[in-house]
Structure formats: structure tokens, C-alpha cells
C-alpha atoms as a PDB file:
ATOM      1  CA  ALA A   1       7.731 -22.532  -6.680  1.00  0.00           C
ATOM      2  CA  GLY A   2       5.433 -25.405  -7.533  1.00  0.00           C
ATOM      3  CA  PHE A   3       2.131 -24.282  -6.032  1.00  0.00           C
ATOM      4  CA  SER A   4      -1.131 -23.213  -7.629  1.00  0.00           C
ATOM      5  CA  LEU A   5      -2.329 -19.624  -7.688  1.00  0.00           C
ATOM      6  CA  ASP A   6      -5.208 -18.102  -9.642  1.00  0.00           C
ATOM      7  CA  PRO A   7      -3.622 -15.191 -11.555  1.00  0.00           C
ATOM      8  CA  HIS A   8      -7.023 -13.489 -11.873  1.00  0.00           C
ATOM      9  CA  ALA A   9      -7.965 -13.592  -8.177  1.00  0.00           C
ATOM     10  CA  ARG A  10      -7.967 -10.409  -6.133  1.00  0.00           C
ATOM     11  CA  VAL A  11      -5.397 -10.655  -3.362  1.00  0.00           C
ATOM     12  CA  GLY A  12      -7.970  -9.520  -0.806  1.00  0.00           C
ATOM     13  CA  SER A  13     -10.120 -12.521  -1.628  1.00  0.00           C
ATOM     14  CA  LEU A  14      -7.317 -15.037  -1.042  1.00  0.00           C
ATOM     15  CA  SER A  15      -6.717 -17.074   2.091  1.00  0.00           C
ATOM     16  CA  VAL A  16      -3.667 -16.321   4.230  1.00  0.00           C
ATOM     17  CA  ALA A  17      -1.794 -19.091   2.399  1.00  0.00           C
ATOM     18  CA  GLY A  18      -2.909 -17.671  -0.947  1.00  0.00           C
ATOM     19  CA  ARG A  19      -1.658 -14.218   0.011  1.00  0.00           C
ATOM     20  CA  GLN A  20       1.692 -15.717   0.981  1.00  0.00           C
ATOM     21  CA  ARG A  21       1.894 -17.477  -2.378  1.00  0.00           C
ATOM     22  CA  ALA A  22       1.061 -14.230  -4.179  1.00  0.00           C
ATOM     23  CA  ALA A  23       3.754 -12.369  -2.226  1.00  0.00           C
ATOM     24  CA  LEU A  24       6.334 -15.070  -3.026  1.00  0.00           C
ATOM     25  CA  VAL A  25       5.438 -15.032  -6.722  1.00  0.00           C
ATOM     26  CA  ASN A  26       5.585 -11.231  -6.767  1.00  0.00           C
ATOM     27  CA  ALA A  27       9.059 -11.204  -5.213  1.00  0.00           C
ATOM     28  CA  LEU A  28      10.333 -13.966  -7.506  1.00  0.00           C
ATOM     29  CA  CYS A  29       8.960 -12.233 -10.613  1.00  0.00           C
ATOM     30  CA  ARG A  30      10.940  -9.160  -9.594  1.00  0.00           C
ATOM     31  CA  GLY A  31      14.111 -11.255  -9.490  1.00  0.00           C
ATOM     32  CA  ALA A  32      14.470 -11.642  -5.726  1.00  0.00           C
ATOM     33  CA  ARG A  33      17.258 -14.030  -4.750  1.00  0.00           C
ATOM     34  CA  LEU A  34      16.771 -13.502  -0.989  1.00  0.00           C
ATOM     35  CA  LEU A  35      13.417 -13.917   0.749  1.00  0.00           C
ATOM     36  CA  ILE A  36      12.917 -13.015   4.401  1.00  0.00           C
ATOM     37  CA  LEU A  37       9.921 -14.805   5.894  1.00  0.00           C
ATOM     38  CA  ASP A  38       8.740 -13.686   9.332  1.00  0.00           C
ATOM     39  CA  GLU A  39       6.756 -16.436  11.096  1.00  0.00           C
ATOM     40  CA  PRO A  40       5.616 -17.806   7.713  1.00  0.00           C
ATOM     41  CA  ALA A  41       3.590 -20.710   9.119  1.00  0.00           C
ATOM     42  CA  ALA A  42       2.026 -18.922  12.081  1.00  0.00           C
ATOM     43  CA  LEU A  43      -1.461 -18.645  10.567  1.00  0.00           C
ATOM     44  CA  LEU A  44      -1.407 -21.669   8.281  1.00  0.00           C
ATOM     45  CA  SER A  45      -3.119 -25.011   8.653  1.00  0.00           C
ATOM     46  CA  PRO A  46      -0.910 -28.117   8.843  1.00  0.00           C
ATOM     47  CA  ASN A  47      -1.571 -28.875   5.150  1.00  0.00           C
ATOM     48  CA  GLU A  48      -0.811 -25.288   4.119  1.00  0.00           C
ATOM     49  CA  THR A  49       2.357 -25.357   6.221  1.00  0.00           C
ATOM     50  CA  ARG A  50       3.486 -28.578   4.526  1.00  0.00           C
ATOM     51  CA  ASP A  51       2.835 -26.996   1.101  1.00  0.00           C
ATOM     52  CA  LEU A  52       4.790 -23.894   2.110  1.00  0.00           C
ATOM     53  CA  TRP A  53       7.827 -25.935   3.173  1.00  0.00           C
ATOM     54  CA  ARG A  54       7.716 -27.930  -0.068  1.00  0.00           C
ATOM     55  CA  ALA A  55       7.716 -24.683  -2.052  1.00  0.00           C
ATOM     56  CA  VAL A  56      10.554 -23.332   0.089  1.00  0.00           C
ATOM     57  CA  ASP A  57      12.599 -26.487  -0.516  1.00  0.00           C
ATOM     58  CA  ARG A  58      12.098 -26.105  -4.283  1.00  0.00           C
ATOM     59  CA  LEU A  59      13.109 -22.436  -4.143  1.00  0.00           C
ATOM     60  CA  ALA A  60      16.224 -23.216  -2.121  1.00  0.00           C
ATOM     61  CA  ALA A  61      17.168 -25.879  -4.682  1.00  0.00           C
ATOM     62  CA  THR A  62      17.163 -23.160  -7.369  1.00  0.00           C
ATOM     63  CA  GLY A  63      19.587 -21.005  -5.392  1.00  0.00           C
ATOM     64  CA  VAL A  64      17.131 -18.655  -3.688  1.00  0.00           C
ATOM     65  CA  THR A  65      18.291 -17.809  -0.172  1.00  0.00           C
ATOM     66  CA  LEU A  66      15.570 -17.936   2.466  1.00  0.00           C
ATOM     67  CA  LEU A  67      15.815 -16.394   5.903  1.00  0.00           C
ATOM     68  CA  PHE A  68      13.159 -17.494   8.404  1.00  0.00           C
ATOM     69  CA  ILE A  69      12.230 -15.721  11.576  1.00  0.00           C
ATOM     70  CA  THR A  70      10.373 -18.154  13.826  1.00  0.00           C
ATOM     71  CA  HIS A  71       9.744 -19.211  17.385  1.00  0.00           C
ATOM     72  CA  ARG A  72       8.778 -22.738  16.347  1.00  0.00           C
ATOM     73  CA  LEU A  73      11.992 -24.500  17.216  1.00  0.00           C
ATOM     74  CA  PRO A  74      11.284 -27.991  15.802  1.00  0.00           C
ATOM     75  CA  GLU A  75      10.129 -26.358  12.558  1.00  0.00           C
ATOM     76  CA  ALA A  76      13.295 -24.257  12.391  1.00  0.00           C
ATOM     77  CA  ILE A  77      15.511 -27.293  12.894  1.00  0.00           C
ATOM     78  CA  ALA A  78      13.604 -29.306  10.288  1.00  0.00           C
ATOM     79  CA  GLN A  79      13.652 -26.584   7.621  1.00  0.00           C
ATOM     80  CA  ALA A  80      16.882 -24.679   8.093  1.00  0.00           C
ATOM     81  CA  ARG A  81      20.419 -25.565   7.187  1.00  0.00           C
ATOM     82  CA  ARG A  82      21.872 -23.024   9.584  1.00  0.00           C
ATOM     83  CA  ILE A  83      20.386 -21.657  12.804  1.00  0.00           C
ATOM     84  CA  VAL A  84      21.200 -18.294  14.332  1.00  0.00           C
ATOM     85  CA  VAL A  85      19.668 -17.422  17.688  1.00  0.00           C
ATOM     86  CA  LEU A  86      19.347 -13.776  18.654  1.00  0.00           C
ATOM     87  CA  ARG A  87      18.737 -12.596  22.189  1.00  0.00           C
ATOM     88  CA  ARG A  88      18.295  -8.883  22.849  1.00  0.00           C
ATOM     89  CA  GLY A  89      19.718  -8.117  19.415  1.00  0.00           C
ATOM     90  CA  ARG A  90      22.886 -10.177  19.878  1.00  0.00           C
ATOM     91  CA  ILE A  91      23.852 -13.479  18.320  1.00  0.00           C
ATOM     92  CA  VAL A  92      24.062 -16.078  21.073  1.00  0.00           C
ATOM     93  CA  LEU A  93      24.267 -19.211  18.925  1.00  0.00           C
ATOM     94  CA  ARG A  94      25.237 -20.149  15.376  1.00  0.00           C
ATOM     95  CA  ALA A  95      25.014 -23.785  14.375  1.00  0.00           C
ATOM     96  CA  ASP A  96      24.182 -26.210  11.611  1.00  0.00           C
ATOM     97  CA  SER A  97      20.618 -27.344  12.130  1.00  0.00           C
ATOM     98  CA  ASP A  98      21.621 -31.000  12.205  1.00  0.00           C
ATOM     99  CA  SER A  99      23.802 -30.374  15.252  1.00  0.00           C
ATOM    100  CA  VAL A 100      21.201 -28.792  17.561  1.00  0.00           C
ATOM    101  CA  SER A 101      18.013 -29.796  19.372  1.00  0.00           C
ATOM    102  CA  PRO A 102      15.113 -27.661  20.587  1.00  0.00           C
ATOM    103  CA  ASP A 103      16.631 -27.881  24.073  1.00  0.00           C
ATOM    104  CA  ASP A 104      19.922 -26.463  22.755  1.00  0.00           C
ATOM    105  CA  LEU A 105      18.050 -23.545  21.228  1.00  0.00           C
END
């Protein structure tokens, strides 16, 4: 995925970003082709968030499918290719991310 991770570190000693990296590496080593990330940047610093999105872009370029659950609308538009909005368990909008704004969402 293009990020650094100490293979000898205990997961409990890692930062939130480090734990995310370890979880991504674990899933990828097991052959995952679909990753579901729930609010992946919620607890990250701006630099860690930027690193996460770079890694996600590299993974997507290799054919890994990534599904993000987020309330950060500008982030969703910037990162996603497709946007699906759910309200009370029902799909209320499906759109290409380049055709919507935060106000639309």
C-alpha cells in the first residue's frame, strides 16, 4: 500500500494510524479484494489522513475495491468515484462523485 509499518511492533503500542495500517496489511495479506472502511479518517491527524488517502489511491489502482462509510462530505466527494447516500436504511441518492456537491448530498 506504500506506507511504512514496523513488522515487529505490538499492535497495542501503535498509534491509531499505525493500527489502521496494520489492519489494512492484515486484510491484504489474506487476499482481500474488498475493504470496508468505517469513518477511516475520524481519529487521524491531517498528515495521517493524507497518507491514508494516498495508500487508498494506490490500492484502488491495483484493483482493490474500497467502500467508505463517512459523514465528511467533502472528503467523500474528493476520494470516491461513486457516492451512495443512505437515509434510514434506504438509498436516496446514487451519483458519480464528480457530479455532486456537499449541498447535493
